PDB file of N, CA and C in Angstrom:
ATOM      1  N   MET A   1       0.600  -1.157  -0.366  1.00  0.00           N
ATOM      2  CA  MET A   1       0.364   0.134  -0.102  1.00  0.00           C
ATOM      3  C   MET A   1       1.185   1.261   0.115  1.00  0.00           C
ATOM      4  N   GLY A   2       1.928   1.387   0.918  1.00  0.00           N
ATOM      5  CA  GLY A   2       2.523   2.531   0.663  1.00  0.00           C
ATOM      6  C   GLY A   2       2.631   3.363   1.984  1.00  0.00           C
ATOM      7  N   PHE A   3       3.628   3.887   1.964  1.00  0.00           N
ATOM      8  CA  PHE A   3       3.026   4.941   4.379  1.00  0.00           C
ATOM      9  C   PHE A   3       2.131   6.204   3.683  1.00  0.00           C
ATOM     10  N   PRO A   4       2.331   6.879   2.069  1.00  0.00           N
ATOM     11  CA  PRO A   4       1.520   7.830   2.323  1.00  0.00           C
ATOM     12  C   PRO A   4      -0.188   7.562   1.452  1.00  0.00           C
ATOM     13  N   VAL A   5      -0.426   6.508   1.067  1.00  0.00           N
ATOM     14  CA  VAL A   5      -1.814   6.004   0.474  1.00  0.00           C
ATOM     15  C   VAL A   5      -1.874   5.639   2.224  1.00  0.00           C
ATOM     16  N   ALA A   6      -1.613   4.978   3.097  1.00  0.00           N
ATOM     17  CA  ALA A   6      -1.812   4.524   4.351  1.00  0.00           C
ATOM     18  C   ALA A   6      -2.487   5.617   5.481  1.00  0.00           C
ATOM     19  N   VAL A   7      -1.694   6.825   4.885  1.00  0.00           N
ATOM     20  CA  VAL A   7      -1.832   8.165   5.494  1.00  0.00           C
ATOM     21  C   VAL A   7      -3.006   8.483   5.217  1.00  0.00           C
ATOM     22  N   GLY A   8      -3.693   8.245   3.792  1.00  0.00           N
ATOM     23  CA  GLY A   8      -5.409   8.653   2.983  1.00  0.00           C
ATOM     24  C   GLY A   8      -6.056   8.256   3.859  1.00  0.00           C
ATOM     25  N   TYR A   9      -5.935   6.334   3.564  1.00  0.00           N
ATOM     26  CA  TYR A   9      -6.872   5.798   4.350  1.00  0.00           C
ATOM     27  C   TYR A   9      -7.005   6.003   5.491  1.00  0.00           C
ATOM     28  N   CYS A  10      -6.219   6.025   6.272  1.00  0.00           N
ATOM     29  CA  CYS A  10      -6.420   6.236   8.064  1.00  0.00           C
ATOM     30  C   CYS A  10      -7.803   7.545   8.072  1.00  0.00           C
ATOM     31  N   PHE A  11      -7.406   8.594   7.108  1.00  0.00           N
ATOM     32  CA  PHE A  11      -8.382   9.819   7.447  1.00  0.00           C
ATOM     33  C   PHE A  11     -10.054   9.116   6.735  1.00  0.00           C
ATOM     34  N   TRP A  12      -9.487   8.300   6.086  1.00  0.00           N
ATOM     35  CA  TRP A  12     -10.966   8.134   4.656  1.00  0.00           C
ATOM     36  C   TRP A  12     -11.826   6.857   6.168  1.00  0.00           C
ATOM     37  N   ARG A  13     -11.112   5.890   6.856  1.00  0.00           N
ATOM     38  CA  ARG A  13     -11.755   4.989   7.749  1.00  0.00           C
ATOM     39  C   ARG A  13     -12.299   5.590   9.478  1.00  0.00           C
ATOM     40  N   VAL A  14     -11.027   6.928   9.796  1.00  0.00           N
ATOM     41  CA  VAL A  14     -11.233   6.935  11.133  1.00  0.00           C
ATOM     42  C   VAL A  14     -10.245   6.265  12.082  1.00  0.00           C
ATOM     43  N   TRP A  15      -9.182   5.838  11.593  1.00  0.00           N
ATOM     44  CA  TRP A  15      -8.102   5.314  12.197  1.00  0.00           C
ATOM     45  C   TRP A  15      -6.977   5.353  12.118  1.00  0.00           C
ATOM     46  N   GLY A  16      -6.709   5.721  13.485  1.00  0.00           N
ATOM     47  CA  GLY A  16      -5.527   6.102  14.120  1.00  0.00           C
ATOM     48  C   GLY A  16      -5.474   7.685  14.150  1.00  0.00           C
ATOM     49  N   VAL A  17      -7.313   8.015  14.073  1.00  0.00           N
ATOM     50  CA  VAL A  17      -7.335   9.876  13.697  1.00  0.00           C
ATOM     51  C   VAL A  17      -8.700  10.155  14.733  1.00  0.00           C
ATOM     52  N   ARG A  18      -8.900  11.667  14.803  1.00  0.00           N
ATOM     53  CA  ARG A  18      -9.717  11.601  15.813  1.00  0.00           C
ATOM     54  C   ARG A  18     -10.784  11.947  14.771  1.00  0.00           C
ATOM     55  N   ALA A  19     -10.557  12.681  13.401  1.00  0.00           N
ATOM     56  CA  ALA A  19     -12.574  12.414  13.424  1.00  0.00           C
ATOM     57  C   ALA A  19     -11.958  11.901  12.083  1.00  0.00           C
ATOM     58  N   LEU A  20     -13.367  11.563  10.531  1.00  0.00           N
ATOM     59  CA  LEU A  20     -13.467  11.631   9.663  1.00  0.00           C
ATOM     60  C   LEU A  20     -13.472  12.783   9.134  1.00  0.00           C
ATOM     61  N   ASP A  21     -11.970  12.908   7.946  1.00  0.00           N
ATOM     62  CA  ASP A  21     -11.713  13.738   7.574  1.00  0.00           C
ATOM     63  C   ASP A  21     -11.668  13.538   5.867  1.00  0.00           C
ATOM     64  N   ARG A  22     -12.740  13.840   4.623  1.00  0.00           N
ATOM     65  CA  ARG A  22     -12.638  13.289   3.247  1.00  0.00           C
ATOM     66  C   ARG A  22     -11.713  14.033   2.734  1.00  0.00           C
ATOM     67  N   ASP A  23     -11.196  15.394   3.255  1.00  0.00           N
ATOM     68  CA  ASP A  23     -10.775  16.331   2.814  1.00  0.00           C
ATOM     69  C   ASP A  23      -9.549  16.102   2.336  1.00  0.00           C
ATOM     70  N   LYS A  24      -8.566  15.933   4.035  1.00  0.00           N
ATOM     71  CA  LYS A  24      -7.662  15.466   4.175  1.00  0.00           C
ATOM     72  C   LYS A  24      -7.220  13.879   3.317  1.00  0.00           C
ATOM     73  N   ALA A  25      -8.241  13.317   3.203  1.00  0.00           N
ATOM     74  CA  ALA A  25      -7.742  12.083   2.455  1.00  0.00           C
ATOM     75  C   ALA A  25      -7.598  12.286   1.245  1.00  0.00           C
ATOM     76  N   PHE A  26      -8.555  13.439   0.439  1.00  0.00           N
ATOM     77  CA  PHE A  26      -8.204  13.486  -0.912  1.00  0.00           C
ATOM     78  C   PHE A  26      -6.942  14.114  -1.034  1.00  0.00           C
ATOM     79  N   LYS A  27      -6.596  14.838   0.364  1.00  0.00           N
ATOM     80  CA  LYS A  27      -5.285  15.301  -0.184  1.00  0.00           C
ATOM     81  C   LYS A  27      -4.340  14.369   0.518  1.00  0.00           C
ATOM     82  N   ALA A  28      -3.911  13.704   0.952  1.00  0.00           N
ATOM     83  CA  ALA A  28      -2.933  12.491   1.291  1.00  0.00           C
ATOM     84  C   ALA A  28      -3.365  11.657  -0.160  1.00  0.00           C
ATOM     85  N   PHE A  29      -4.201  11.498  -0.410  1.00  0.00           N
ATOM     86  CA  PHE A  29      -4.370  10.372  -1.531  1.00  0.00           C
ATOM     87  C   PHE A  29      -3.971  11.090  -3.375  1.00  0.00           C
ATOM     88  N   SER A  30      -3.860  12.676  -3.337  1.00  0.00           N
ATOM     89  CA  SER A  30      -3.812  13.280  -4.113  1.00  0.00           C
ATOM     90  C   SER A  30      -1.979  13.473  -4.226  1.00  0.00           C
ATOM     91  N   ALA A  31      -1.965  13.334  -3.105  1.00  0.00           N
ATOM     92  CA  ALA A  31      -0.570  13.861  -3.025  1.00  0.00           C
ATOM     93  C   ALA A  31       0.696  12.063  -3.039  1.00  0.00           C
ATOM     94  N   ALA A  32      -0.026  11.069  -3.037  1.00  0.00           N
ATOM     95  CA  ALA A  32       0.503  10.085  -3.016  1.00  0.00           C
ATOM     96  C   ALA A  32       0.225   9.030  -4.488  1.00  0.00           C
ATOM     97  N   ALA A  33      -0.666   9.792  -5.432  1.00  0.00           N
ATOM     98  CA  ALA A  33      -0.655   9.296  -6.365  1.00  0.00           C
ATOM     99  C   ALA A  33       0.336   9.941  -7.570  1.00  0.00           C
ATOM    100  N   GLU A  34       0.741  11.755  -7.102  1.00  0.00           N
ATOM    101  CA  GLU A  34       1.344  12.150  -7.515  1.00  0.00           C
ATOM    102  C   GLU A  34       3.248  11.315  -8.088  1.00  0.00           C
ATOM    103  N   GLN A  35       3.170  10.478  -6.341  1.00  0.00           N
ATOM    104  CA  GLN A  35       3.974   9.470  -6.119  1.00  0.00           C
ATOM    105  C   GLN A  35       4.182   8.405  -6.613  1.00  0.00           C
ATOM    106  N   GLY A  36       3.307   8.216  -7.872  1.00  0.00           N
ATOM    107  CA  GLY A  36       3.547   6.916  -8.393  1.00  0.00           C
ATOM    108  C   GLY A  36       2.639   5.791  -7.856  1.00  0.00           C
ATOM    109  N   TYR A  37       1.711   6.057  -6.201  1.00  0.00           N
ATOM    110  CA  TYR A  37       1.248   4.950  -6.189  1.00  0.00           C
ATOM    111  C   TYR A  37      -0.476   4.851  -6.815  1.00  0.00           C
ATOM    112  N   THR A  38      -0.069   3.528  -7.084  1.00  0.00           N
ATOM    113  CA  THR A  38      -1.282   2.977  -8.534  1.00  0.00           C
ATOM    114  C   THR A  38      -2.666   2.836  -7.274  1.00  0.00           C
ATOM    115  N   LEU A  39      -2.680   1.969  -6.297  1.00  0.00           N
ATOM    116  CA  LEU A  39      -3.742   2.177  -5.411  1.00  0.00           C
ATOM    117  C   LEU A  39      -4.768   3.792  -4.767  1.00  0.00           C
ATOM    118  N   ALA A  40      -3.452   4.508  -4.552  1.00  0.00           N
ATOM    119  CA  ALA A  40      -4.026   6.266  -4.677  1.00  0.00           C
ATOM    120  C   ALA A  40      -4.854   6.751  -5.523  1.00  0.00           C
ATOM    121  N   VAL A  41      -4.329   6.125  -7.118  1.00  0.00           N
ATOM    122  CA  VAL A  41      -4.963   6.919  -7.940  1.00  0.00           C
ATOM    123  C   VAL A  41      -6.923   5.720  -7.403  1.00  0.00           C
ATOM    124  N   VAL A  42      -6.284   4.390  -7.595  1.00  0.00           N
ATOM    125  CA  VAL A  42      -7.454   4.353  -7.496  1.00  0.00           C
ATOM    126  C   VAL A  42      -8.614   4.999  -6.062  1.00  0.00           C
ATOM    127  N   PHE A  43      -8.074   5.143  -5.558  1.00  0.00           N
ATOM    128  CA  PHE A  43      -8.701   5.572  -4.205  1.00  0.00           C
ATOM    129  C   PHE A  43      -9.532   7.301  -4.332  1.00  0.00           C
ATOM    130  N   LEU A  44      -8.290   7.896  -5.787  1.00  0.00           N
ATOM    131  CA  LEU A  44      -8.680   9.436  -6.005  1.00  0.00           C
ATOM    132  C   LEU A  44      -9.916   9.119  -6.938  1.00  0.00           C
ATOM    133  N   GLY A  45     -10.228   7.908  -7.720  1.00  0.00           N
ATOM    134  CA  GLY A  45     -11.233   8.064  -8.712  1.00  0.00           C
ATOM    135  C   GLY A  45     -12.666   7.671  -7.884  1.00  0.00           C
ATOM    136  N   HIS A  46     -12.215   7.100  -6.594  1.00  0.00           N
ATOM    137  CA  HIS A  46     -13.910   6.949  -5.461  1.00  0.00           C
ATOM    138  C   HIS A  46     -14.304   7.950  -4.717  1.00  0.00           C
ATOM    139  N   CYS A  47     -13.177   9.123  -4.922  1.00  0.00           N
ATOM    140  CA  CYS A  47     -13.620  10.296  -4.004  1.00  0.00           C
ATOM    141  C   CYS A  47     -14.288  11.424  -4.991  1.00  0.00           C
ATOM    142  N   TYR A  48     -14.183  11.391  -6.512  1.00  0.00           N
ATOM    143  CA  TYR A  48     -14.668  11.784  -7.678  1.00  0.00           C
ATOM    144  C   TYR A  48     -15.729  11.009  -7.879  1.00  0.00           C
ATOM    145  N   GLU A  49     -15.963   9.869  -8.054  1.00  0.00           N
ATOM    146  CA  GLU A  49     -17.408   9.073  -8.504  1.00  0.00           C
ATOM    147  C   GLU A  49     -18.147   9.186  -7.524  1.00  0.00           C
ATOM    148  N   TYR A  50     -17.895   9.643  -5.860  1.00  0.00           N
ATOM    149  CA  TYR A  50     -18.753   9.863  -4.884  1.00  0.00           C
ATOM    150  C   TYR A  50     -19.208  10.942  -4.139  1.00  0.00           C
ATOM    151  N   GLY A  51     -18.201  11.609  -5.210  1.00  0.00           N
ATOM    152  CA  GLY A  51     -18.108  13.683  -4.101  1.00  0.00           C
ATOM    153  C   GLY A  51     -17.653  13.546  -2.920  1.00  0.00           C
ATOM    154  N   LYS A  52     -16.587  12.748  -2.501  1.00  0.00           N
ATOM    155  CA  LYS A  52     -16.062  12.642  -1.433  1.00  0.00           C
ATOM    156  C   LYS A  52     -14.642  13.523  -1.125  1.00  0.00           C
ATOM    157  N   GLY A  53     -14.308  14.678  -0.337  1.00  0.00           N
ATOM    158  CA  GLY A  53     -13.735  15.668  -0.249  1.00  0.00           C
ATOM    159  C   GLY A  53     -13.598  16.386  -1.894  1.00  0.00           C
ATOM    160  N   VAL A  54     -14.338  16.390  -2.495  1.00  0.00           N
ATOM    161  CA  VAL A  54     -13.870  16.779  -3.783  1.00  0.00           C
ATOM    162  C   VAL A  54     -15.327  16.425  -4.731  1.00  0.00           C
ATOM    163  N   LYS A  55     -15.171  18.054  -5.639  1.00  0.00           N
ATOM    164  CA  LYS A  55     -16.717  17.903  -6.170  1.00  0.00           C
ATOM    165  C   LYS A  55     -17.429  16.509  -7.073  1.00  0.00           C
ATOM    166  N   LYS A  56     -18.113  16.053  -6.776  1.00  0.00           N
ATOM    167  CA  LYS A  56     -18.657  14.612  -7.783  1.00  0.00           C
ATOM    168  C   LYS A  56     -18.194  14.842  -9.498  1.00  0.00           C
ATOM    169  N   ASN A  57     -17.141  13.827  -9.542  1.00  0.00           N
ATOM    170  CA  ASN A  57     -17.490  14.159 -11.067  1.00  0.00           C
ATOM    171  C   ASN A  57     -16.762  12.278 -11.818  1.00  0.00           C
ATOM    172  N   PRO A  58     -17.714  11.958 -12.353  1.00  0.00           N
ATOM    173  CA  PRO A  58     -17.922  10.943 -12.462  1.00  0.00           C
ATOM    174  C   PRO A  58     -17.187  10.153 -14.008  1.00  0.00           C
ATOM    175  N   SER A  59     -16.955  11.984 -14.513  1.00  0.00           N
ATOM    176  CA  SER A  59     -15.518  11.740 -15.681  1.00  0.00           C
ATOM    177  C   SER A  59     -14.469  11.358 -15.633  1.00  0.00           C
ATOM    178  N   LYS A  60     -14.365  12.437 -14.211  1.00  0.00           N
ATOM    179  CA  LYS A  60     -12.713  12.076 -13.826  1.00  0.00           C
ATOM    180  C   LYS A  60     -12.251  11.230 -13.008  1.00  0.00           C
ATOM    181  N   ALA A  61     -13.381  10.398 -12.335  1.00  0.00           N
ATOM    182  CA  ALA A  61     -13.184   8.653 -12.031  1.00  0.00           C
ATOM    183  C   ALA A  61     -12.940   7.997 -12.827  1.00  0.00           C
ATOM    184  N   VAL A  62     -13.073   7.906 -14.417  1.00  0.00           N
ATOM    185  CA  VAL A  62     -13.524   6.943 -15.303  1.00  0.00           C
ATOM    186  C   VAL A  62     -11.997   6.834 -15.226  1.00  0.00           C
ATOM    187  N   GLU A  63     -11.614   8.305 -15.631  1.00  0.00           N
ATOM    188  CA  GLU A  63     -10.373   8.656 -15.822  1.00  0.00           C
ATOM    189  C   GLU A  63      -9.145   8.097 -15.304  1.00  0.00           C
ATOM    190  N   LEU A  64      -9.664   8.307 -13.480  1.00  0.00           N
ATOM    191  CA  LEU A  64      -8.263   7.810 -12.722  1.00  0.00           C
ATOM    192  C   LEU A  64      -8.400   6.261 -12.748  1.00  0.00           C
ATOM    193  N   TYR A  65     -10.017   5.870 -12.883  1.00  0.00           N
ATOM    194  CA  TYR A  65      -9.991   3.902 -12.718  1.00  0.00           C
ATOM    195  C   TYR A  65      -9.209   3.478 -13.927  1.00  0.00           C
ATOM    196  N   THR A  66      -9.531   4.384 -14.444  1.00  0.00           N
ATOM    197  CA  THR A  66      -8.669   4.221 -16.414  1.00  0.00           C
ATOM    198  C   THR A  66      -7.089   3.887 -16.412  1.00  0.00           C
ATOM    199  N   GLN A  67      -6.775   4.785 -15.853  1.00  0.00           N
ATOM    200  CA  GLN A  67      -5.500   5.370 -15.467  1.00  0.00           C
ATOM    201  C   GLN A  67      -5.043   4.584 -14.873  1.00  0.00           C
ATOM    202  N   ALA A  68      -5.225   3.580 -13.443  1.00  0.00           N
ATOM    203  CA  ALA A  68      -4.504   3.204 -12.820  1.00  0.00           C
ATOM    204  C   ALA A  68      -4.635   1.290 -13.353  1.00  0.00           C
ATOM    205  N   ALA A  69      -5.829   0.814 -14.517  1.00  0.00           N
ATOM    206  CA  ALA A  69      -5.417  -0.238 -14.817  1.00  0.00           C
ATOM    207  C   ALA A  69      -4.612  -0.475 -15.277  1.00  0.00           C
TER     208      ALA A  69
END
């Protein structure tokens, strides 16, 4: 998974953090995706697909899922 992705997932699932924070999760996934973590790209797609931490954008979600494939 990689540490940067794990940080985002902690904010996503409220593991080891005080509160659910989808905005911080989105930022962590974005940073991890820029570092080349494929799983982070998948999680970013999920954020865009469901509008979690970012405005809902199904087209962007498909683009990210395709990139990760």
